[in-house]
């Protein structure tokens, strides 16, 4: 699994002109899933995400996790294009991205696990939908994590 984590002051997902989800301060997370991913990847990534100290403490130092930020939220959006390969030619290949029958159950498990680790409901987009994602990246702070490269 690959995630792009962006610290934000606000983020939202709109589908078909209707607001699906929105958060204030917190994390906007894009999630890519491949066939090699499983429950261990979900557990490891969710613990890592809520423990990342990327929010400022009283001294302005990035020293706090999202769970220590008052009224924080997490917005999770599936994004198969994170699995793109650009090694050959100019048209990205998405062959590494899991097909929906594999990805959807993992995505749903990821949402449930991340919500449990976070201690409140994680907001989401809609798997497979054409979404308009907006965010105000705070910092900017953007972190990339690949669960297949843990060591």
N, C-alpha and C. Protein backbone atom coordinates (compact mmCIF):
# COMPACT_ATOMS: atom_id res chain seq x y z
N UNK A 1 0.85 -1.18 0.00
CA UNK A 1 0.00 0.00 0.00
C UNK A 1 0.89 1.23 0.00
N UNK A 2 0.42 2.20 -0.71
CA UNK A 2 1.10 3.49 -0.72
C UNK A 2 0.12 4.54 -0.23
N UNK A 3 0.63 5.45 0.58
CA UNK A 3 -0.19 6.58 1.01
C UNK A 3 0.58 7.87 0.79
N UNK A 4 -0.18 8.89 0.45
CA UNK A 4 0.31 10.26 0.43
C UNK A 4 -0.48 10.96 1.52
N UNK A 5 0.24 11.44 2.52
CA UNK A 5 -0.39 12.11 3.67
C UNK A 5 -0.08 13.60 3.57
N UNK A 6 -1.12 14.40 3.60
CA UNK A 6 -0.94 15.84 3.56
C UNK A 6 -1.59 16.47 4.79
N UNK A 7 -0.76 17.20 5.54
CA UNK A 7 -1.30 17.96 6.66
C UNK A 7 -2.11 19.10 6.07
N UNK A 8 -3.32 19.29 6.57
CA UNK A 8 -4.17 20.32 5.97
C UNK A 8 -4.90 21.14 7.02
N UNK A 9 -5.35 22.31 6.58
CA UNK A 9 -6.23 23.12 7.43
C UNK A 9 -7.68 22.82 7.10
N UNK A 10 -7.90 22.30 5.86
CA UNK A 10 -9.23 21.85 5.45
C UNK A 10 -9.10 20.99 4.20
N UNK A 11 -10.04 20.07 4.03
CA UNK A 11 -10.06 19.22 2.84
C UNK A 11 -11.49 18.75 2.61
N UNK A 12 -11.81 18.45 1.34
CA UNK A 12 -13.16 17.99 1.02
C UNK A 12 -13.15 17.15 -0.24
N UNK A 13 -14.21 16.36 -0.39
CA UNK A 13 -14.43 15.55 -1.58
C UNK A 13 -15.83 15.86 -2.08
N UNK A 14 -15.92 16.17 -3.37
CA UNK A 14 -17.19 16.42 -4.03
C UNK A 14 -17.35 15.40 -5.14
N UNK A 15 -18.54 14.81 -5.24
CA UNK A 15 -18.84 13.83 -6.28
C UNK A 15 -20.12 14.26 -6.98
N UNK A 16 -20.04 14.44 -8.28
CA UNK A 16 -21.22 14.84 -9.04
C UNK A 16 -21.82 16.15 -8.58
N UNK A 17 -20.97 17.07 -8.14
CA UNK A 17 -21.45 18.38 -7.69
C UNK A 17 -21.96 18.41 -6.26
N UNK A 18 -21.92 17.26 -5.56
CA UNK A 18 -22.41 17.20 -4.18
C UNK A 18 -21.27 16.91 -3.22
N UNK A 19 -21.24 17.65 -2.12
CA UNK A 19 -20.22 17.45 -1.10
C UNK A 19 -20.42 16.08 -0.45
N UNK A 20 -19.40 15.23 -0.51
CA UNK A 20 -19.45 13.90 0.10
C UNK A 20 -18.90 13.93 1.51
N UNK A 21 -17.72 14.56 1.68
CA UNK A 21 -17.04 14.59 2.98
C UNK A 21 -16.19 15.85 3.07
N UNK A 22 -15.99 16.29 4.31
CA UNK A 22 -15.08 17.41 4.53
C UNK A 22 -14.54 17.35 5.96
N UNK A 23 -13.34 17.92 6.11
CA UNK A 23 -12.72 18.03 7.43
C UNK A 23 -12.12 19.42 7.55
N UNK A 24 -11.85 19.81 8.78
CA UNK A 24 -11.08 21.02 9.06
C UNK A 24 -9.63 20.62 9.16
N UNK A 25 -8.94 21.02 10.22
CA UNK A 25 -7.53 20.67 10.35
C UNK A 25 -7.36 19.16 10.52
N UNK A 26 -6.27 18.64 9.94
CA UNK A 26 -6.01 17.22 10.08
C UNK A 26 -5.18 16.70 8.93
N UNK A 27 -5.57 15.51 8.44
CA UNK A 27 -4.82 14.83 7.38
C UNK A 27 -5.72 14.47 6.22
N UNK A 28 -5.26 14.77 5.04
CA UNK A 28 -5.87 14.29 3.80
C UNK A 28 -4.97 13.17 3.33
N UNK A 29 -5.52 11.96 3.14
CA UNK A 29 -4.71 10.79 2.79
C UNK A 29 -5.22 10.17 1.49
N UNK A 30 -4.30 9.99 0.54
CA UNK A 30 -4.58 9.26 -0.69
C UNK A 30 -4.01 7.86 -0.51
N UNK A 31 -4.79 6.83 -0.88
CA UNK A 31 -4.41 5.43 -0.65
C UNK A 31 -4.41 4.65 -1.95
N UNK A 32 -3.28 4.00 -2.25
CA UNK A 32 -3.17 3.10 -3.39
C UNK A 32 -2.96 1.68 -2.90
N UNK A 33 -3.63 0.72 -3.53
CA UNK A 33 -3.60 -0.68 -3.09
C UNK A 33 -3.12 -1.57 -4.24
N UNK A 34 -2.21 -2.50 -3.91
CA UNK A 34 -1.75 -3.48 -4.89
C UNK A 34 -2.02 -4.88 -4.35
N UNK A 35 -1.92 -5.89 -5.23
CA UNK A 35 -2.27 -7.26 -4.86
C UNK A 35 -1.41 -7.83 -3.74
N UNK A 36 -0.19 -7.34 -3.56
CA UNK A 36 0.70 -7.84 -2.51
C UNK A 36 0.28 -7.35 -1.12
N UNK A 37 -0.67 -6.43 -1.04
CA UNK A 37 -1.07 -5.84 0.23
C UNK A 37 -2.05 -6.74 0.99
N UNK A 38 -1.99 -6.65 2.32
CA UNK A 38 -2.89 -7.45 3.15
C UNK A 38 -3.09 -6.80 4.50
N UNK A 39 -3.59 -7.60 5.45
CA UNK A 39 -3.92 -7.08 6.78
C UNK A 39 -2.72 -6.52 7.52
N UNK A 40 -1.53 -7.11 7.35
CA UNK A 40 -0.33 -6.60 8.01
C UNK A 40 -0.01 -5.18 7.53
N UNK A 41 -0.20 -4.95 6.24
CA UNK A 41 0.05 -3.61 5.69
C UNK A 41 -0.94 -2.60 6.29
N UNK A 42 -2.19 -3.01 6.38
CA UNK A 42 -3.22 -2.15 6.95
C UNK A 42 -2.88 -1.80 8.39
N UNK A 43 -2.58 -2.80 9.20
CA UNK A 43 -2.27 -2.57 10.62
C UNK A 43 -1.07 -1.65 10.78
N UNK A 44 0.00 -1.96 10.05
CA UNK A 44 1.23 -1.18 10.17
C UNK A 44 1.02 0.27 9.74
N UNK A 45 0.37 0.46 8.59
CA UNK A 45 0.16 1.81 8.08
C UNK A 45 -0.76 2.64 8.98
N UNK A 46 -1.82 2.04 9.45
CA UNK A 46 -2.76 2.79 10.30
C UNK A 46 -2.11 3.23 11.61
N UNK A 47 -1.31 2.35 12.22
CA UNK A 47 -0.58 2.73 13.44
C UNK A 47 0.41 3.85 13.12
N UNK A 48 1.10 3.72 12.00
CA UNK A 48 2.10 4.71 11.60
C UNK A 48 1.44 6.07 11.35
N UNK A 49 0.32 6.08 10.65
CA UNK A 49 -0.36 7.32 10.31
C UNK A 49 -0.77 8.10 11.56
N UNK A 50 -1.44 7.45 12.50
CA UNK A 50 -1.91 8.19 13.68
C UNK A 50 -0.78 8.55 14.64
N UNK A 51 0.39 7.95 14.46
CA UNK A 51 1.53 8.25 15.33
C UNK A 51 2.49 9.28 14.74
N UNK A 52 2.32 9.60 13.46
CA UNK A 52 3.22 10.56 12.83
C UNK A 52 3.15 11.92 13.53
N UNK A 53 4.29 12.40 13.94
CA UNK A 53 4.34 13.68 14.64
C UNK A 53 4.62 14.78 13.63
N UNK A 54 3.55 15.22 12.96
CA UNK A 54 3.68 16.23 11.91
C UNK A 54 2.88 17.51 12.20
N UNK A 55 2.37 17.61 13.41
CA UNK A 55 1.62 18.81 13.80
C UNK A 55 2.41 19.59 14.83
N UNK A 56 2.29 20.92 14.75
CA UNK A 56 3.10 21.79 15.60
C UNK A 56 2.65 21.75 17.06
N UNK A 57 3.65 21.74 17.96
CA UNK A 57 3.37 21.88 19.38
C UNK A 57 3.35 23.37 19.72
N UNK A 58 3.28 23.72 21.00
CA UNK A 58 3.19 25.12 21.42
C UNK A 58 4.41 25.93 21.01
N UNK A 59 5.53 25.25 20.77
CA UNK A 59 6.76 25.94 20.36
C UNK A 59 6.93 26.00 18.85
N UNK A 60 5.92 25.55 18.10
CA UNK A 60 5.99 25.57 16.65
C UNK A 60 6.84 24.47 16.05
N UNK A 61 7.10 23.43 16.82
CA UNK A 61 7.90 22.29 16.36
C UNK A 61 6.95 21.14 16.00
N UNK A 62 7.18 20.50 14.85
CA UNK A 62 6.35 19.34 14.47
C UNK A 62 6.65 18.21 15.45
N UNK A 63 5.77 18.08 16.43
CA UNK A 63 6.01 17.15 17.52
C UNK A 63 4.74 16.43 17.98
N UNK A 64 3.61 16.71 17.33
CA UNK A 64 2.34 16.15 17.79
C UNK A 64 1.71 15.27 16.71
N UNK A 65 1.08 14.17 17.12
CA UNK A 65 0.31 13.35 16.17
C UNK A 65 -1.08 13.95 15.97
N UNK A 66 -1.78 13.49 14.96
CA UNK A 66 -3.12 13.99 14.64
C UNK A 66 -4.08 13.80 15.83
N UNK A 67 -3.86 12.79 16.63
CA UNK A 67 -4.74 12.52 17.78
C UNK A 67 -4.62 13.58 18.87
N UNK A 68 -3.57 14.40 18.81
CA UNK A 68 -3.37 15.46 19.80
C UNK A 68 -3.85 16.82 19.32
N UNK A 69 -4.40 16.87 18.12
CA UNK A 69 -4.86 18.14 17.56
C UNK A 69 -6.37 18.26 17.81
N UNK A 70 -6.80 19.30 18.55
CA UNK A 70 -8.23 19.45 18.83
C UNK A 70 -9.06 19.54 17.55
N UNK A 71 -10.18 18.86 17.54
CA UNK A 71 -11.13 18.87 16.42
C UNK A 71 -10.51 18.45 15.09
N UNK A 72 -9.48 17.62 15.14
CA UNK A 72 -8.83 17.18 13.90
C UNK A 72 -9.67 16.12 13.21
N UNK A 73 -9.40 15.96 11.93
CA UNK A 73 -10.08 14.95 11.13
C UNK A 73 -9.12 14.26 10.18
N UNK A 74 -9.56 13.17 9.64
CA UNK A 74 -8.82 12.48 8.59
C UNK A 74 -9.78 12.23 7.44
N UNK A 75 -9.34 12.58 6.24
CA UNK A 75 -10.11 12.33 5.02
C UNK A 75 -9.30 11.36 4.17
N UNK A 76 -9.86 10.18 3.90
CA UNK A 76 -9.18 9.12 3.15
C UNK A 76 -9.83 8.94 1.79
N UNK A 77 -9.00 8.96 0.74
CA UNK A 77 -9.49 8.83 -0.63
C UNK A 77 -8.69 7.74 -1.33
N UNK A 78 -9.38 6.77 -1.92
CA UNK A 78 -8.69 5.74 -2.70
C UNK A 78 -8.18 6.36 -4.00
N UNK A 79 -6.96 5.95 -4.40
CA UNK A 79 -6.39 6.52 -5.62
C UNK A 79 -5.47 5.49 -6.27
N UNK A 80 -6.02 4.75 -7.23
CA UNK A 80 -5.26 3.70 -7.89
C UNK A 80 -4.05 4.24 -8.66
N UNK A 81 -4.08 5.52 -9.04
CA UNK A 81 -2.98 6.07 -9.83
C UNK A 81 -1.69 6.16 -9.02
N UNK A 82 -1.74 6.01 -7.70
CA UNK A 82 -0.51 5.97 -6.91
C UNK A 82 0.35 4.77 -7.27
N UNK A 83 -0.26 3.75 -7.86
CA UNK A 83 0.45 2.53 -8.21
C UNK A 83 1.00 2.60 -9.64
N UNK A 84 0.95 3.76 -10.27
CA UNK A 84 1.38 3.91 -11.67
C UNK A 84 2.86 3.60 -11.85
N UNK A 85 3.16 2.96 -12.96
CA UNK A 85 4.54 2.75 -13.38
C UNK A 85 4.78 3.62 -14.61
N UNK A 86 5.86 4.38 -14.56
CA UNK A 86 6.19 5.27 -15.68
C UNK A 86 7.53 4.90 -16.30
N UNK A 87 7.94 3.65 -16.11
CA UNK A 87 9.25 3.20 -16.60
C UNK A 87 9.33 3.17 -18.12
N UNK A 88 8.25 2.80 -18.78
CA UNK A 88 8.27 2.69 -20.24
C UNK A 88 7.29 3.69 -20.85
N UNK A 89 7.77 4.43 -21.83
CA UNK A 89 6.89 5.33 -22.57
C UNK A 89 6.37 6.48 -21.75
N UNK A 90 5.30 7.09 -22.26
CA UNK A 90 4.73 8.27 -21.61
C UNK A 90 3.34 8.03 -21.05
N UNK A 91 2.80 6.85 -21.30
CA UNK A 91 1.48 6.53 -20.76
C UNK A 91 1.68 5.64 -19.54
N UNK A 92 1.28 6.10 -18.34
CA UNK A 92 1.47 5.30 -17.14
C UNK A 92 0.74 3.96 -17.23
N UNK A 93 1.35 2.95 -16.65
CA UNK A 93 0.73 1.63 -16.54
C UNK A 93 0.22 1.47 -15.12
N UNK A 94 -1.00 0.95 -15.01
CA UNK A 94 -1.60 0.75 -13.69
C UNK A 94 -1.74 -0.73 -13.36
N UNK A 95 -0.91 -1.55 -13.97
CA UNK A 95 -1.01 -2.99 -13.81
C UNK A 95 -0.78 -3.42 -12.35
N UNK A 96 -0.04 -2.64 -11.57
CA UNK A 96 0.21 -2.99 -10.17
C UNK A 96 -0.99 -2.68 -9.26
N UNK A 97 -1.89 -1.84 -9.72
CA UNK A 97 -3.06 -1.49 -8.90
C UNK A 97 -4.02 -2.67 -8.83
N UNK A 98 -4.50 -2.96 -7.63
CA UNK A 98 -5.44 -4.06 -7.45
C UNK A 98 -6.76 -3.76 -8.15
N UNK A 99 -7.37 -4.80 -8.66
CA UNK A 99 -8.70 -4.68 -9.26
C UNK A 99 -9.71 -4.47 -8.13
N UNK A 100 -10.87 -3.91 -8.43
CA UNK A 100 -11.85 -3.60 -7.39
C UNK A 100 -12.23 -4.77 -6.49
N UNK A 101 -12.32 -5.99 -7.05
CA UNK A 101 -12.73 -7.12 -6.20
C UNK A 101 -11.70 -7.42 -5.11
N UNK A 102 -10.46 -7.03 -5.30
CA UNK A 102 -9.42 -7.17 -4.27
C UNK A 102 -9.31 -5.89 -3.45
N UNK A 103 -9.33 -4.76 -4.13
CA UNK A 103 -9.07 -3.47 -3.47
C UNK A 103 -10.19 -3.01 -2.55
N UNK A 104 -11.44 -3.21 -2.94
CA UNK A 104 -12.54 -2.68 -2.13
C UNK A 104 -12.57 -3.28 -0.72
N UNK A 105 -12.46 -4.60 -0.55
CA UNK A 105 -12.44 -5.13 0.82
C UNK A 105 -11.25 -4.60 1.63
N UNK A 106 -10.08 -4.45 1.01
CA UNK A 106 -8.92 -3.90 1.73
C UNK A 106 -9.14 -2.44 2.08
N UNK A 107 -9.73 -1.68 1.17
CA UNK A 107 -10.04 -0.27 1.42
C UNK A 107 -11.01 -0.15 2.61
N UNK A 108 -12.03 -0.98 2.63
CA UNK A 108 -13.01 -0.94 3.73
C UNK A 108 -12.36 -1.34 5.06
N UNK A 109 -11.48 -2.34 5.05
CA UNK A 109 -10.75 -2.72 6.27
C UNK A 109 -9.85 -1.59 6.72
N UNK A 110 -9.22 -0.90 5.75
CA UNK A 110 -8.34 0.22 6.07
C UNK A 110 -9.14 1.33 6.77
N UNK A 111 -10.30 1.64 6.25
CA UNK A 111 -11.16 2.68 6.85
C UNK A 111 -11.51 2.30 8.29
N UNK A 112 -11.94 1.06 8.50
CA UNK A 112 -12.34 0.61 9.83
C UNK A 112 -11.16 0.65 10.80
N UNK A 113 -10.00 0.16 10.35
CA UNK A 113 -8.83 0.13 11.23
C UNK A 113 -8.33 1.53 11.54
N UNK A 114 -8.28 2.41 10.53
CA UNK A 114 -7.81 3.77 10.75
C UNK A 114 -8.77 4.52 11.68
N UNK A 115 -10.06 4.30 11.53
CA UNK A 115 -11.04 4.92 12.43
C UNK A 115 -10.82 4.45 13.87
N UNK A 116 -10.55 3.16 14.04
CA UNK A 116 -10.31 2.62 15.39
C UNK A 116 -9.04 3.22 15.99
N UNK A 117 -7.98 3.30 15.21
CA UNK A 117 -6.71 3.87 15.70
C UNK A 117 -6.86 5.35 16.01
N UNK A 118 -7.62 6.06 15.18
CA UNK A 118 -7.81 7.50 15.33
C UNK A 118 -8.76 7.81 16.48
N UNK A 119 -9.68 6.90 16.77
CA UNK A 119 -10.63 7.11 17.86
C UNK A 119 -11.90 7.82 17.43
N UNK A 120 -12.05 8.06 16.16
CA UNK A 120 -13.29 8.62 15.61
C UNK A 120 -13.37 8.28 14.13
N UNK A 121 -14.54 8.51 13.57
CA UNK A 121 -14.79 8.13 12.19
C UNK A 121 -13.91 8.89 11.21
N UNK A 122 -13.30 8.14 10.30
CA UNK A 122 -12.53 8.72 9.21
C UNK A 122 -13.49 9.05 8.08
N UNK A 123 -13.37 10.25 7.53
CA UNK A 123 -14.19 10.66 6.39
C UNK A 123 -13.59 10.05 5.13
N UNK A 124 -14.40 9.82 4.12
CA UNK A 124 -13.91 9.15 2.91
C UNK A 124 -14.48 9.78 1.64
N UNK A 125 -13.84 9.36 0.55
CA UNK A 125 -14.40 9.59 -0.77
C UNK A 125 -15.28 8.39 -1.09
N UNK A 126 -15.41 8.07 -2.37
CA UNK A 126 -16.18 6.91 -2.80
C UNK A 126 -15.33 6.10 -3.76
N UNK A 127 -15.09 4.85 -3.42
CA UNK A 127 -14.20 4.01 -4.22
C UNK A 127 -14.66 3.98 -5.67
N UNK A 128 -13.76 4.27 -6.59
CA UNK A 128 -14.04 4.19 -8.02
C UNK A 128 -14.77 5.37 -8.62
N UNK A 129 -15.18 6.30 -7.80
CA UNK A 129 -15.92 7.46 -8.31
C UNK A 129 -14.97 8.51 -8.89
N UNK A 130 -15.49 9.34 -9.78
CA UNK A 130 -14.77 10.50 -10.25
C UNK A 130 -15.00 11.59 -9.21
N UNK A 131 -13.95 11.93 -8.48
CA UNK A 131 -14.07 12.84 -7.34
C UNK A 131 -13.29 14.12 -7.59
N UNK A 132 -13.79 15.21 -7.05
CA UNK A 132 -13.05 16.44 -7.02
C UNK A 132 -12.59 16.61 -5.58
N UNK A 133 -11.28 16.59 -5.40
CA UNK A 133 -10.68 16.65 -4.06
C UNK A 133 -10.05 18.02 -3.90
N UNK A 134 -10.40 18.69 -2.82
CA UNK A 134 -9.84 20.00 -2.52
C UNK A 134 -9.16 19.95 -1.17
N UNK A 135 -8.05 20.66 -1.06
CA UNK A 135 -7.43 20.77 0.25
C UNK A 135 -6.56 22.01 0.30
N UNK A 136 -6.36 22.48 1.51
CA UNK A 136 -5.38 23.52 1.78
C UNK A 136 -4.28 22.82 2.55
N UNK A 137 -3.16 22.58 1.86
CA UNK A 137 -2.03 21.89 2.46
C UNK A 137 -1.36 22.86 3.41
N UNK A 138 -1.19 22.45 4.66
CA UNK A 138 -0.65 23.29 5.71
C UNK A 138 0.85 23.04 5.84
N UNK A 139 1.65 24.03 5.54
CA UNK A 139 3.09 23.91 5.70
C UNK A 139 3.87 24.38 4.48
N UNK A 140 3.85 23.70 3.38
CA UNK A 140 3.19 22.42 3.11
C UNK A 140 3.92 21.25 3.77
N UNK A 141 3.14 20.30 4.22
CA UNK A 141 3.67 19.06 4.77
C UNK A 141 3.04 17.92 3.99
N UNK A 142 3.87 17.16 3.30
CA UNK A 142 3.43 16.01 2.52
C UNK A 142 4.38 14.85 2.78
N UNK A 143 3.83 13.70 3.19
CA UNK A 143 4.62 12.52 3.54
C UNK A 143 4.18 11.37 2.65
N UNK A 144 5.15 10.64 2.08
CA UNK A 144 4.87 9.45 1.28
C UNK A 144 5.31 8.22 2.06
N UNK A 145 4.45 7.21 2.13
CA UNK A 145 4.81 5.96 2.81
C UNK A 145 4.37 4.79 1.94
N UNK A 146 5.25 3.82 1.77
CA UNK A 146 4.97 2.60 1.05
C UNK A 146 5.14 1.44 2.02
N UNK A 147 4.07 0.71 2.29
CA UNK A 147 4.14 -0.38 3.28
C UNK A 147 5.02 -1.53 2.81
N UNK A 148 5.34 -1.59 1.53
CA UNK A 148 6.22 -2.63 1.02
C UNK A 148 7.70 -2.29 1.26
N UNK A 149 7.98 -1.08 1.73
CA UNK A 149 9.36 -0.63 2.03
C UNK A 149 9.48 -0.25 3.50
N UNK A 150 9.14 -1.16 4.40
CA UNK A 150 9.15 -0.87 5.84
C UNK A 150 10.53 -0.86 6.44
N UNK A 151 11.44 -1.64 5.89
CA UNK A 151 12.76 -1.77 6.55
C UNK A 151 13.79 -0.87 5.94
